[in-house]
């Protein structure tokens, strides 16, 4: 819930639009990792699945941030 309020605070800030959206993407990546770990209990999965889940979230998030930053 705190991360959602953090995103809302940045959405209403006076930073540039590009920077704001990239920060919100970064917060969304953090939230996705928290959901994987605590709600989906990825920590109980085999180590190779844990690594793949975290890589998937990280790579997808980085591509979103990079793609938006270059546009």
C-alpha atoms as a PDB file:
ATOM      1  CA  UNK A   1       0.000   0.000   0.000  1.00  0.00           C
ATOM      2  CA  UNK A   2       2.881   2.333   0.780  1.00  0.00           C
ATOM      3  CA  UNK A   3       4.361   1.780  -2.680  1.00  0.00           C
ATOM      4  CA  UNK A   4       1.027   2.658  -4.274  1.00  0.00           C
ATOM      5  CA  UNK A   5       0.899   5.909  -2.321  1.00  0.00           C
ATOM      6  CA  UNK A   6       4.527   6.537  -3.284  1.00  0.00           C
ATOM      7  CA  UNK A   7       3.555   6.138  -6.974  1.00  0.00           C
ATOM      8  CA  UNK A   8       0.606   8.464  -6.510  1.00  0.00           C
ATOM      9  CA  UNK A   9       2.870  11.061  -4.928  1.00  0.00           C
ATOM     10  CA  UNK A  10       5.232  10.942  -7.881  1.00  0.00           C
ATOM     11  CA  UNK A  11       2.346  11.068 -10.345  1.00  0.00           C
ATOM     12  CA  UNK A  12       1.256  14.342  -8.790  1.00  0.00           C
ATOM     13  CA  UNK A  13       4.794  15.757  -8.569  1.00  0.00           C
ATOM     14  CA  UNK A  14       6.280  18.498 -10.719  1.00  0.00           C
ATOM     15  CA  UNK A  15       9.043  16.297 -12.126  1.00  0.00           C
ATOM     16  CA  UNK A  16       9.177  15.801 -15.861  1.00  0.00           C
ATOM     17  CA  UNK A  17       6.703  13.377 -17.368  1.00  0.00           C
ATOM     18  CA  UNK A  18       9.398  10.980 -18.566  1.00  0.00           C
ATOM     19  CA  UNK A  19      11.131  10.802 -15.196  1.00  0.00           C
ATOM     20  CA  UNK A  20       7.842  10.363 -13.359  1.00  0.00           C
ATOM     21  CA  UNK A  21       6.737   7.471 -15.548  1.00  0.00           C
ATOM     22  CA  UNK A  22      10.114   5.745 -15.226  1.00  0.00           C
ATOM     23  CA  UNK A  23       9.910   6.036 -11.421  1.00  0.00           C
ATOM     24  CA  UNK A  24       6.396   4.610 -11.466  1.00  0.00           C
ATOM     25  CA  UNK A  25       7.637   1.693 -13.612  1.00  0.00           C
ATOM     26  CA  UNK A  26      10.412   1.058 -11.080  1.00  0.00           C
ATOM     27  CA  UNK A  27       7.894   1.010  -8.239  1.00  0.00           C
ATOM     28  CA  UNK A  28       5.725  -1.410 -10.248  1.00  0.00           C
ATOM     29  CA  UNK A  29       8.735  -3.715 -10.654  1.00  0.00           C
ATOM     30  CA  UNK A  30       9.309  -3.649  -6.899  1.00  0.00           C
ATOM     31  CA  UNK A  31       5.638  -4.432  -6.293  1.00  0.00           C
ATOM     32  CA  UNK A  32       5.733  -7.314  -8.781  1.00  0.00           C
ATOM     33  CA  UNK A  33       8.715  -8.812  -6.960  1.00  0.00           C
ATOM     34  CA  UNK A  34       6.927  -8.486  -3.628  1.00  0.00           C
ATOM     35  CA  UNK A  35       3.871 -10.236  -5.067  1.00  0.00           C
ATOM     36  CA  UNK A  36       6.065 -13.041  -6.418  1.00  0.00           C
ATOM     37  CA  UNK A  37       7.806 -13.547  -3.096  1.00  0.00           C
ATOM     38  CA  UNK A  38       4.957 -13.156  -0.605  1.00  0.00           C
ATOM     39  CA  UNK A  39       1.698 -13.891  -2.425  1.00  0.00           C
ATOM     40  CA  UNK A  40       2.812 -16.484  -4.963  1.00  0.00           C
ATOM     41  CA  UNK A  41       5.398 -17.934  -2.542  1.00  0.00           C
ATOM     42  CA  UNK A  42       8.117 -18.211  -5.166  1.00  0.00           C
ATOM     43  CA  UNK A  43      10.665 -18.649  -2.362  1.00  0.00           C
ATOM     44  CA  UNK A  44       9.356 -22.207  -1.920  1.00  0.00           C
ATOM     45  CA  UNK A  45       9.912 -23.070  -5.588  1.00  0.00           C
ATOM     46  CA  UNK A  46      13.021 -24.732  -6.925  1.00  0.00           C
ATOM     47  CA  UNK A  47      15.962 -22.359  -7.275  1.00  0.00           C
ATOM     48  CA  UNK A  48      15.957 -22.350 -11.082  1.00  0.00           C
ATOM     49  CA  UNK A  49      12.293 -21.241 -11.121  1.00  0.00           C
ATOM     50  CA  UNK A  50      12.991 -18.515  -8.568  1.00  0.00           C
ATOM     51  CA  UNK A  51      15.799 -17.153 -10.718  1.00  0.00           C
ATOM     52  CA  UNK A  52      13.655 -17.281 -13.865  1.00  0.00           C
ATOM     53  CA  UNK A  53      10.717 -15.487 -12.204  1.00  0.00           C
ATOM     54  CA  UNK A  54      12.910 -12.691 -10.890  1.00  0.00           C
ATOM     55  CA  UNK A  55      14.750 -12.378 -14.205  1.00  0.00           C
ATOM     56  CA  UNK A  56      11.461 -12.190 -16.066  1.00  0.00           C
ATOM     57  CA  UNK A  57      10.177  -9.358 -13.879  1.00  0.00           C
ATOM     58  CA  UNK A  58      13.523  -7.551 -13.942  1.00  0.00           C
ATOM     59  CA  UNK A  59      14.107  -7.806 -17.691  1.00  0.00           C
ATOM     60  CA  UNK A  60      10.523  -6.879 -18.546  1.00  0.00           C
ATOM     61  CA  UNK A  61      10.635  -3.899 -16.218  1.00  0.00           C
ATOM     62  CA  UNK A  62      13.994  -2.733 -17.522  1.00  0.00           C
ATOM     63  CA  UNK A  63      12.746  -2.973 -21.087  1.00  0.00           C
ATOM     64  CA  UNK A  64       9.693  -0.878 -20.186  1.00  0.00           C
ATOM     65  CA  UNK A  65      11.859   1.757 -18.501  1.00  0.00           C
ATOM     66  CA  UNK A  66      14.458   1.760 -21.278  1.00  0.00           C
ATOM     67  CA  UNK A  67      11.829   1.824 -24.019  1.00  0.00           C
ATOM     68  CA  UNK A  68      10.016   4.720 -22.437  1.00  0.00           C
ATOM     69  CA  UNK A  69      13.245   6.575 -21.702  1.00  0.00           C
ATOM     70  CA  UNK A  70      14.378   6.354 -25.325  1.00  0.00           C
ATOM     71  CA  UNK A  71      11.061   7.418 -26.815  1.00  0.00           C
END
